[in-house]
Amino acid sequence: MTPTLVFDIETIPDTAGLRTLLDVPAHATDDDIANIAFHQRRQQNGSEFLPLHQHRICAISCALREGNHFKVWTLGDAHSTEAEIIQRFFDGIEKYTPQIISWNGGCFDLPVLHYRAMINKVQAPRYWDLGEDDKDFKWNNYISRYHTRHLDLMDLLAMFNGRANAPLDEIAQLCGFPGKLGMDGSKVWAAYQAGEIEAIRNYCETDVANTHLVYLRFQLMRGHLSASGYEAEINLVRDTLSSYSAPHWAEFLAAWKL
């Protein structure tokens, strides 16, 4: 069985990069720079959501299903640099050659990872193979929208139609899974400023758990899991998360309806 790796990133404004891109006073704080960037963005299109190349990754969480095992974790620790966690992510692809699974990864997570990997001099030869090293990758690689080495569940379920996109939180809840628990992407910058990096990492982990559960429901729907096989996979997730001592997993399990 090919390993599956569900992933999710959390980002903050790249204030160091924005110092280079924006004409700001030398004494401006990171908060000042972020607010200037948000203000300029609002004037451009009415939203504070920054262009993808102006984001910096502060957390990457993964859910790996491999062999008889399932685990959820966040790469590095609260003190790891952006370069370290991005390199760890691509090192995992180098090691396992998994199918990687995301929710909106094609439009957000992967483009941000591309920009930040390049800025941080990260190497990812397996990920970028388009058939030059492994001929199988010519017909199924991580880069193509319509190949399944990277499966963007949101994009596929919406039939590659942006007007049909749905938020992970709502789809997860409609399927009986917990959904988001007290934080979302819009709150990450404030949490980071408050020094709450562990809360961000925990939130990112619950997002990949939700995505993995939705992926299992998708596998049931398409007939790649039988009813009994689906229940076995669900029980594996529940048992694994029950073995974790962190409080956010107790909250997650309490919110899991089915």
C-alpha atoms as a PDB file:
ATOM      1  CA  MET A   1       0.000   0.000   0.000  1.00  0.00           C
ATOM      2  CA  THR A   2       1.353   3.404  -0.975  1.00  0.00           C
ATOM      3  CA  PRO A   3       1.800   5.583   2.117  1.00  0.00           C
ATOM      4  CA  THR A   4      -0.492   8.596   2.354  1.00  0.00           C
ATOM      5  CA  LEU A   5       0.653  11.897   3.843  1.00  0.00           C
ATOM      6  CA  VAL A   6      -1.967  14.508   4.638  1.00  0.00           C
ATOM      7  CA  PHE A   7      -0.380  17.907   5.180  1.00  0.00           C
ATOM      8  CA  ASP A   8      -1.344  21.434   6.132  1.00  0.00           C
ATOM      9  CA  ILE A   9       0.615  24.630   6.671  1.00  0.00           C
ATOM     10  CA  GLU A  10       0.037  27.710   8.793  1.00  0.00           C
ATOM     11  CA  THR A  11       1.502  31.030   7.731  1.00  0.00           C
ATOM     12  CA  ILE A  12       2.190  34.542   8.974  1.00  0.00           C
ATOM     13  CA  PRO A  13       3.242  37.668   7.071  1.00  0.00           C
ATOM     14  CA  ASP A  14       6.843  37.502   5.894  1.00  0.00           C
ATOM     15  CA  THR A  15       7.788  40.723   7.641  1.00  0.00           C
ATOM     16  CA  ALA A  16      11.493  40.309   6.827  1.00  0.00           C
ATOM     17  CA  GLY A  17      10.678  39.977   3.139  1.00  0.00           C
ATOM     18  CA  LEU A  18       8.166  42.815   3.292  1.00  0.00           C
ATOM     19  CA  ARG A  19      10.922  45.090   4.631  1.00  0.00           C
ATOM     20  CA  THR A  20      12.668  44.468   1.315  1.00  0.00           C
ATOM     21  CA  LEU A  21       9.568  44.881  -0.825  1.00  0.00           C
ATOM     22  CA  LEU A  22       7.933  47.861   0.889  1.00  0.00           C
ATOM     23  CA  ASP A  23       9.236  51.372   1.369  1.00  0.00           C
ATOM     24  CA  VAL A  24       9.033  51.404   5.180  1.00  0.00           C
ATOM     25  CA  PRO A  25      10.987  53.373   7.789  1.00  0.00           C
ATOM     26  CA  ALA A  26      13.982  51.566   9.282  1.00  0.00           C
ATOM     27  CA  HIS A  27      12.466  51.799  12.768  1.00  0.00           C
ATOM     28  CA  ALA A  28       9.204  50.082  11.748  1.00  0.00           C
ATOM     29  CA  THR A  29       8.326  47.046  13.849  1.00  0.00           C
ATOM     30  CA  ASP A  30       7.142  43.729  12.431  1.00  0.00           C
ATOM     31  CA  ASP A  31       3.630  44.655  13.528  1.00  0.00           C
ATOM     32  CA  ASP A  32       3.908  47.992  11.692  1.00  0.00           C
ATOM     33  CA  ILE A  33       5.099  46.261   8.529  1.00  0.00           C
ATOM     34  CA  ALA A  34       2.308  43.673   8.617  1.00  0.00           C
ATOM     35  CA  ASN A  35      -0.295  46.403   9.135  1.00  0.00           C
ATOM     36  CA  ILE A  36       1.080  48.397   6.193  1.00  0.00           C
ATOM     37  CA  ALA A  37       0.940  45.292   3.991  1.00  0.00           C
ATOM     38  CA  PHE A  38      -2.611  44.505   5.144  1.00  0.00           C
ATOM     39  CA  HIS A  39      -3.680  48.106   4.479  1.00  0.00           C
ATOM     40  CA  GLN A  40      -2.213  48.113   0.976  1.00  0.00           C
ATOM     41  CA  ARG A  41      -3.859  44.793   0.219  1.00  0.00           C
ATOM     42  CA  ARG A  42      -7.259  46.060   1.402  1.00  0.00           C
ATOM     43  CA  GLN A  43      -6.920  49.033  -0.927  1.00  0.00           C
ATOM     44  CA  GLN A  44      -6.086  46.734  -3.840  1.00  0.00           C
ATOM     45  CA  ASN A  45      -8.851  44.163  -3.526  1.00  0.00           C
ATOM     46  CA  GLY A  46     -10.769  44.678  -0.292  1.00  0.00           C
ATOM     47  CA  SER A  47      -9.118  41.758   1.516  1.00  0.00           C
ATOM     48  CA  GLU A  48      -6.168  41.540   3.907  1.00  0.00           C
ATOM     49  CA  PHE A  49      -5.095  38.184   2.489  1.00  0.00           C
ATOM     50  CA  LEU A  50      -1.535  38.721   1.276  1.00  0.00           C
ATOM     51  CA  PRO A  51      -0.096  37.403  -2.005  1.00  0.00           C
ATOM     52  CA  LEU A  52       1.302  33.917  -1.520  1.00  0.00           C
ATOM     53  CA  HIS A  53       4.941  34.934  -1.907  1.00  0.00           C
ATOM     54  CA  GLN A  54       4.522  37.308   1.056  1.00  0.00           C
ATOM     55  CA  HIS A  55       3.648  34.513   3.508  1.00  0.00           C
ATOM     56  CA  ARG A  56       6.096  32.801   5.866  1.00  0.00           C
ATOM     57  CA  ILE A  57       5.457  29.257   7.098  1.00  0.00           C
ATOM     58  CA  CYS A  58       5.309  28.891  10.884  1.00  0.00           C
ATOM     59  CA  ALA A  59       3.960  25.320  11.098  1.00  0.00           C
ATOM     60  CA  ILE A  60       3.590  22.211   8.942  1.00  0.00           C
ATOM     61  CA  SER A  61       1.547  19.314  10.299  1.00  0.00           C
ATOM     62  CA  CYS A  62       1.260  15.830   8.816  1.00  0.00           C
ATOM     63  CA  ALA A  63      -0.871  12.714   9.143  1.00  0.00           C
ATOM     64  CA  LEU A  64       0.990   9.658   7.853  1.00  0.00           C
ATOM     65  CA  ARG A  65      -0.712   6.326   7.105  1.00  0.00           C
ATOM     66  CA  GLU A  66       1.993   3.778   6.361  1.00  0.00           C
ATOM     67  CA  GLY A  67       2.090   0.010   6.846  1.00  0.00           C
ATOM     68  CA  ASN A  68       0.009  -0.795   9.931  1.00  0.00           C
ATOM     69  CA  HIS A  69       0.545   2.612  11.486  1.00  0.00           C
ATOM     70  CA  PHE A  70      -1.069   6.029  11.604  1.00  0.00           C
ATOM     71  CA  LYS A  71       0.351   9.119  13.266  1.00  0.00           C
ATOM     72  CA  VAL A  72      -0.210  12.857  13.416  1.00  0.00           C
ATOM     73  CA  TRP A  73       2.536  15.301  14.282  1.00  0.00           C
ATOM     74  CA  THR A  74       3.977  18.732  13.552  1.00  0.00           C
ATOM     75  CA  LEU A  75       7.401  18.999  11.990  1.00  0.00           C
ATOM     76  CA  GLY A  76      10.242  20.261  14.164  1.00  0.00           C
ATOM     77  CA  ASP A  77       9.445  22.088  17.379  1.00  0.00           C
ATOM     78  CA  ALA A  78       8.350  25.566  18.419  1.00  0.00           C
ATOM     79  CA  HIS A  79      11.902  26.858  17.928  1.00  0.00           C
ATOM     80  CA  SER A  80      12.605  25.294  14.519  1.00  0.00           C
ATOM     81  CA  THR A  81      13.359  27.654  11.679  1.00  0.00           C
ATOM     82  CA  GLU A  82      11.184  27.878   8.598  1.00  0.00           C
ATOM     83  CA  ALA A  83      13.966  26.330   6.511  1.00  0.00           C
ATOM     84  CA  GLU A  84      14.213  23.359   8.893  1.00  0.00           C
ATOM     85  CA  ILE A  85      10.531  22.489   8.822  1.00  0.00           C
ATOM     86  CA  ILE A  86      10.242  22.873   5.057  1.00  0.00           C
ATOM     87  CA  GLN A  87      13.294  20.664   4.518  1.00  0.00           C
ATOM     88  CA  ARG A  88      11.798  18.033   6.858  1.00  0.00           C
ATOM     89  CA  PHE A  89       8.593  18.040   4.813  1.00  0.00           C
ATOM     90  CA  PHE A  90      10.400  17.402   1.546  1.00  0.00           C
ATOM     91  CA  ASP A  91      12.736  14.896   3.213  1.00  0.00           C
ATOM     92  CA  GLY A  92       9.622  12.894   4.119  1.00  0.00           C
ATOM     93  CA  ILE A  93       8.585  12.836   0.473  1.00  0.00           C
ATOM     94  CA  GLU A  94      12.121  11.756  -0.416  1.00  0.00           C
ATOM     95  CA  LYS A  95      11.901   8.883   2.097  1.00  0.00           C
ATOM     96  CA  TYR A  96       8.385   7.552   1.521  1.00  0.00           C
ATOM     97  CA  THR A  97       7.299   8.811  -1.950  1.00  0.00           C
ATOM     98  CA  PRO A  98       3.783   9.031  -0.492  1.00  0.00           C
ATOM     99  CA  GLN A  99       0.576  10.162  -2.040  1.00  0.00           C
ATOM    100  CA  ILE A 100       0.216  13.613  -0.522  1.00  0.00           C
ATOM    101  CA  ILE A 101      -3.271  14.858   0.326  1.00  0.00           C
ATOM    102  CA  SER A 102      -4.474  18.359   1.087  1.00  0.00           C
ATOM    103  CA  TRP A 103      -7.499  20.574   1.275  1.00  0.00           C
ATOM    104  CA  ASN A 104      -6.842  23.528  -1.070  1.00  0.00           C
ATOM    105  CA  GLY A 105      -3.172  22.567  -1.247  1.00  0.00           C
ATOM    106  CA  GLY A 106      -2.981  23.217  -4.973  1.00  0.00           C
ATOM    107  CA  CYS A 107      -4.037  26.841  -4.636  1.00  0.00           C
ATOM    108  CA  PHE A 108      -2.374  27.675  -1.313  1.00  0.00           C
ATOM    109  CA  ASP A 109      -0.161  25.240   0.612  1.00  0.00           C
ATOM    110  CA  LEU A 110       2.013  23.973  -2.232  1.00  0.00           C
ATOM    111  CA  PRO A 111       2.600  27.322  -3.983  1.00  0.00           C
ATOM    112  CA  VAL A 112       3.619  28.822  -0.630  1.00  0.00           C
ATOM    113  CA  LEU A 113       5.911  25.851   0.010  1.00  0.00           C
ATOM    114  CA  HIS A 114       7.456  26.350  -3.448  1.00  0.00           C
ATOM    115  CA  TYR A 115       8.233  30.021  -2.849  1.00  0.00           C
ATOM    116  CA  ARG A 116       9.499  29.503   0.688  1.00  0.00           C
ATOM    117  CA  ALA A 117      11.603  26.457  -0.242  1.00  0.00           C
ATOM    118  CA  MET A 118      13.292  28.462  -2.982  1.00  0.00           C
ATOM    119  CA  ILE A 119      13.894  31.453  -0.703  1.00  0.00           C
ATOM    120  CA  ASN A 120      15.319  29.153   2.007  1.00  0.00           C
ATOM    121  CA  LYS A 121      17.518  27.097  -0.385  1.00  0.00           C
ATOM    122  CA  VAL A 122      15.645  23.876   0.383  1.00  0.00           C
ATOM    123  CA  GLN A 123      16.236  20.875  -1.886  1.00  0.00           C
ATOM    124  CA  ALA A 124      13.393  18.576  -2.965  1.00  0.00           C
ATOM    125  CA  PRO A 125      14.470  16.439  -5.958  1.00  0.00           C
ATOM    126  CA  ARG A 126      11.872  13.681  -5.533  1.00  0.00           C
ATOM    127  CA  TYR A 127       9.029  16.167  -5.256  1.00  0.00           C
ATOM    128  CA  TRP A 128      10.095  18.032  -8.407  1.00  0.00           C
ATOM    129  CA  ASP A 129      10.699  14.913 -10.520  1.00  0.00           C
ATOM    130  CA  LEU A 130       8.590  15.176 -13.687  1.00  0.00           C
ATOM    131  CA  GLY A 131       9.937  11.960 -15.193  1.00  0.00           C
ATOM    132  CA  GLU A 132      13.577  12.865 -15.659  1.00  0.00           C
ATOM    133  CA  ASP A 133      14.737  10.471 -12.900  1.00  0.00           C
ATOM    134  CA  ASP A 134      11.752   8.140 -12.558  1.00  0.00           C
ATOM    135  CA  LYS A 135       9.770   7.553 -15.766  1.00  0.00           C
ATOM    136  CA  ASP A 136       6.601   6.802 -13.771  1.00  0.00           C
ATOM    137  CA  PHE A 137       6.600  10.414 -12.643  1.00  0.00           C
ATOM    138  CA  LYS A 138       6.076  11.602 -16.225  1.00  0.00           C
ATOM    139  CA  TRP A 139       2.503  10.370 -16.033  1.00  0.00           C
ATOM    140  CA  ASN A 140       1.824  10.863 -12.327  1.00  0.00           C
ATOM    141  CA  ASN A 141       3.760  13.517 -10.436  1.00  0.00           C
ATOM    142  CA  TYR A 142       3.288  15.928  -7.550  1.00  0.00           C
ATOM    143  CA  ILE A 143       3.024  19.028  -9.728  1.00  0.00           C
ATOM    144  CA  SER A 144       0.179  18.313 -12.154  1.00  0.00           C
ATOM    145  CA  ARG A 145      -3.292  19.359 -11.060  1.00  0.00           C
ATOM    146  CA  TYR A 146      -4.855  16.244 -12.543  1.00  0.00           C
ATOM    147  CA  HIS A 147      -2.429  13.643 -11.195  1.00  0.00           C
ATOM    148  CA  THR A 148      -3.015  11.959  -7.851  1.00  0.00           C
ATOM    149  CA  ARG A 149       0.450  11.906  -6.267  1.00  0.00           C
ATOM    150  CA  HIS A 150      -0.884  15.150  -4.883  1.00  0.00           C
ATOM    151  CA  LEU A 151      -4.623  14.898  -4.273  1.00  0.00           C
ATOM    152  CA  ASP A 152      -6.251  18.216  -3.488  1.00  0.00           C
ATOM    153  CA  LEU A 153      -9.539  16.933  -2.108  1.00  0.00           C
ATOM    154  CA  MET A 154     -11.268  20.309  -2.209  1.00  0.00           C
ATOM    155  CA  ASP A 155     -10.323  20.876  -5.838  1.00  0.00           C
ATOM    156  CA  LEU A 156     -11.346  17.389  -6.953  1.00  0.00           C
ATOM    157  CA  LEU A 157     -14.673  17.305  -5.107  1.00  0.00           C
ATOM    158  CA  ALA A 158     -15.512  20.719  -6.606  1.00  0.00           C
ATOM    159  CA  MET A 159     -14.739  19.353 -10.101  1.00  0.00           C
ATOM    160  CA  PHE A 160     -11.913  21.902 -10.415  1.00  0.00           C
ATOM    161  CA  ASN A 161     -14.519  24.670 -10.292  1.00  0.00           C
ATOM    162  CA  GLY A 162     -13.667  27.415  -7.793  1.00  0.00           C
ATOM    163  CA  ARG A 163     -17.322  28.397  -7.451  1.00  0.00           C
ATOM    164  CA  ALA A 164     -18.038  24.935  -6.034  1.00  0.00           C
ATOM    165  CA  ASN A 165     -15.267  24.993  -3.397  1.00  0.00           C
ATOM    166  CA  ALA A 166     -16.306  24.164   0.158  1.00  0.00           C
ATOM    167  CA  PRO A 167     -14.530  24.894   3.474  1.00  0.00           C
ATOM    168  CA  LEU A 168     -12.928  21.936   5.243  1.00  0.00           C
ATOM    169  CA  ASP A 169     -14.542  22.906   8.552  1.00  0.00           C
ATOM    170  CA  GLU A 170     -18.079  22.608   7.185  1.00  0.00           C
ATOM    171  CA  ILE A 171     -17.489  19.429   5.170  1.00  0.00           C
ATOM    172  CA  ALA A 172     -15.853  17.776   8.184  1.00  0.00           C
ATOM    173  CA  GLN A 173     -18.768  18.703  10.456  1.00  0.00           C
ATOM    174  CA  LEU A 174     -21.347  17.563   7.898  1.00  0.00           C
ATOM    175  CA  CYS A 175     -19.594  14.172   7.839  1.00  0.00           C
ATOM    176  CA  GLY A 176     -19.757  13.976  11.654  1.00  0.00           C
ATOM    177  CA  PHE A 177     -16.106  14.872  12.264  1.00  0.00           C
ATOM    178  CA  PRO A 178     -14.980  17.597  14.695  1.00  0.00           C
ATOM    179  CA  GLY A 179     -14.075  20.425  12.307  1.00  0.00           C
ATOM    180  CA  LYS A 180     -12.168  23.427  13.600  1.00  0.00           C
ATOM    181  CA  LEU A 181     -11.871  23.888  17.356  1.00  0.00           C
ATOM    182  CA  GLY A 182     -11.538  27.522  18.419  1.00  0.00           C
ATOM    183  CA  MET A 183      -8.997  28.733  15.851  1.00  0.00           C
ATOM    184  CA  ASP A 184      -8.835  29.333  12.141  1.00  0.00           C
ATOM    185  CA  GLY A 185      -6.301  30.739   9.718  1.00  0.00           C
ATOM    186  CA  SER A 186      -7.391  34.338  10.300  1.00  0.00           C
ATOM    187  CA  LYS A 187      -6.321  34.086  13.963  1.00  0.00           C
ATOM    188  CA  VAL A 188      -2.836  32.666  13.387  1.00  0.00           C
ATOM    189  CA  TRP A 189      -0.990  36.001  13.114  1.00  0.00           C
ATOM    190  CA  ALA A 190      -2.477  37.298  16.374  1.00  0.00           C
ATOM    191  CA  ALA A 191      -1.667  34.000  18.096  1.00  0.00           C
ATOM    192  CA  TYR A 192       1.898  34.142  16.770  1.00  0.00           C
ATOM    193  CA  GLN A 193       2.341  37.711  18.023  1.00  0.00           C
ATOM    194  CA  ALA A 194       1.130  36.564  21.437  1.00  0.00           C
ATOM    195  CA  GLY A 195       3.771  33.822  21.483  1.00  0.00           C
ATOM    196  CA  GLU A 196       1.190  31.046  21.122  1.00  0.00           C
ATOM    197  CA  ILE A 197       3.127  28.942  18.618  1.00  0.00           C
ATOM    198  CA  GLU A 198       2.127  25.677  20.314  1.00  0.00           C
ATOM    199  CA  ALA A 199      -1.547  26.602  19.928  1.00  0.00           C
ATOM    200  CA  ILE A 200      -0.916  27.189  16.213  1.00  0.00           C
ATOM    201  CA  ARG A 201       0.845  23.831  15.890  1.00  0.00           C
ATOM    202  CA  ASN A 202      -2.008  22.083  17.711  1.00  0.00           C
ATOM    203  CA  TYR A 203      -4.585  23.727  15.466  1.00  0.00           C
ATOM    204  CA  CYS A 204      -2.642  22.666  12.379  1.00  0.00           C
ATOM    205  CA  GLU A 205      -2.612  19.064  13.644  1.00  0.00           C
ATOM    206  CA  THR A 206      -6.385  18.995  14.052  1.00  0.00           C
ATOM    207  CA  ASP A 207      -6.747  20.300  10.499  1.00  0.00           C
ATOM    208  CA  VAL A 208      -4.762  17.367   9.093  1.00  0.00           C
ATOM    209  CA  ALA A 209      -6.749  14.953  11.253  1.00  0.00           C
ATOM    210  CA  ASN A 210      -9.986  16.376   9.833  1.00  0.00           C
ATOM    211  CA  THR A 211      -8.591  16.164   6.297  1.00  0.00           C
ATOM    212  CA  HIS A 212      -7.518  12.543   6.779  1.00  0.00           C
ATOM    213  CA  LEU A 213     -10.979  11.627   8.045  1.00  0.00           C
ATOM    214  CA  VAL A 214     -12.637  13.338   5.069  1.00  0.00           C
ATOM    215  CA  TYR A 215     -10.195  11.497   2.785  1.00  0.00           C
ATOM    216  CA  LEU A 216     -11.299   8.171   4.319  1.00  0.00           C
ATOM    217  CA  ARG A 217     -14.944   9.077   3.611  1.00  0.00           C
ATOM    218  CA  PHE A 218     -13.921   9.890   0.029  1.00  0.00           C
ATOM    219  CA  GLN A 219     -12.196   6.505  -0.270  1.00  0.00           C
ATOM    220  CA  LEU A 220     -15.393   4.839   0.961  1.00  0.00           C
ATOM    221  CA  MET A 221     -17.469   6.784  -1.562  1.00  0.00           C
ATOM    222  CA  ARG A 222     -15.258   5.822  -4.514  1.00  0.00           C
ATOM    223  CA  GLY A 223     -15.171   2.150  -3.489  1.00  0.00           C
ATOM    224  CA  HIS A 224     -11.498   2.011  -2.546  1.00  0.00           C
ATOM    225  CA  LEU A 225     -12.544   1.123   0.999  1.00  0.00           C
ATOM    226  CA  SER A 226     -15.255  -1.366   1.878  1.00  0.00           C
ATOM    227  CA  ALA A 227     -17.628  -0.552   4.712  1.00  0.00           C
ATOM    228  CA  SER A 228     -15.634  -2.785   7.054  1.00  0.00           C
ATOM    229  CA  GLY A 229     -12.328  -1.407   5.780  1.00  0.00           C
ATOM    230  CA  TYR A 230     -13.564   2.131   6.388  1.00  0.00           C
ATOM    231  CA  GLU A 231     -14.593   1.302   9.947  1.00  0.00           C
ATOM    232  CA  ALA A 232     -11.181  -0.273  10.569  1.00  0.00           C
ATOM    233  CA  GLU A 233      -9.430   2.877   9.344  1.00  0.00           C
ATOM    234  CA  ILE A 234     -11.681   5.107  11.440  1.00  0.00           C
ATOM    235  CA  ASN A 235     -10.974   2.990  14.516  1.00  0.00           C
ATOM    236  CA  LEU A 236      -7.245   3.200  13.855  1.00  0.00           C
ATOM    237  CA  VAL A 237      -7.465   7.000  13.825  1.00  0.00           C
ATOM    238  CA  ARG A 238      -9.592   7.100  16.948  1.00  0.00           C
ATOM    239  CA  ASP A 239      -7.334   4.668  18.830  1.00  0.00           C
ATOM    240  CA  THR A 240      -4.200   6.548  17.786  1.00  0.00           C
ATOM    241  CA  LEU A 241      -5.538   9.935  18.831  1.00  0.00           C
ATOM    242  CA  SER A 242      -6.787   8.441  22.114  1.00  0.00           C
ATOM    243  CA  SER A 243      -3.206   7.416  22.889  1.00  0.00           C
ATOM    244  CA  TYR A 244      -1.977  11.019  22.620  1.00  0.00           C
ATOM    245  CA  SER A 245      -1.856  12.971  25.886  1.00  0.00           C
ATOM    246  CA  ALA A 246      -2.076  16.533  24.502  1.00  0.00           C
ATOM    247  CA  PRO A 247      -5.316  18.293  25.551  1.00  0.00           C
ATOM    248  CA  HIS A 248      -6.286  19.300  22.008  1.00  0.00           C
ATOM    249  CA  TRP A 249      -6.771  15.635  21.124  1.00  0.00           C
ATOM    250  CA  ALA A 250      -9.145  15.089  24.040  1.00  0.00           C
ATOM    251  CA  GLU A 251     -11.140  18.086  22.786  1.00  0.00           C
ATOM    252  CA  PHE A 252     -11.046  16.717  19.236  1.00  0.00           C
ATOM    253  CA  LEU A 253     -12.317  13.285  20.292  1.00  0.00           C
ATOM    254  CA  ALA A 254     -15.060  14.821  22.432  1.00  0.00           C
ATOM    255  CA  ALA A 255     -16.311  16.761  19.387  1.00  0.00           C
ATOM    256  CA  TRP A 256     -16.246  13.675  17.125  1.00  0.00           C
ATOM    257  CA  LYS A 257     -19.912  12.707  16.747  1.00  0.00           C
ATOM    258  CA  LEU A 258     -19.640   9.536  14.678  1.00  0.00           C
END
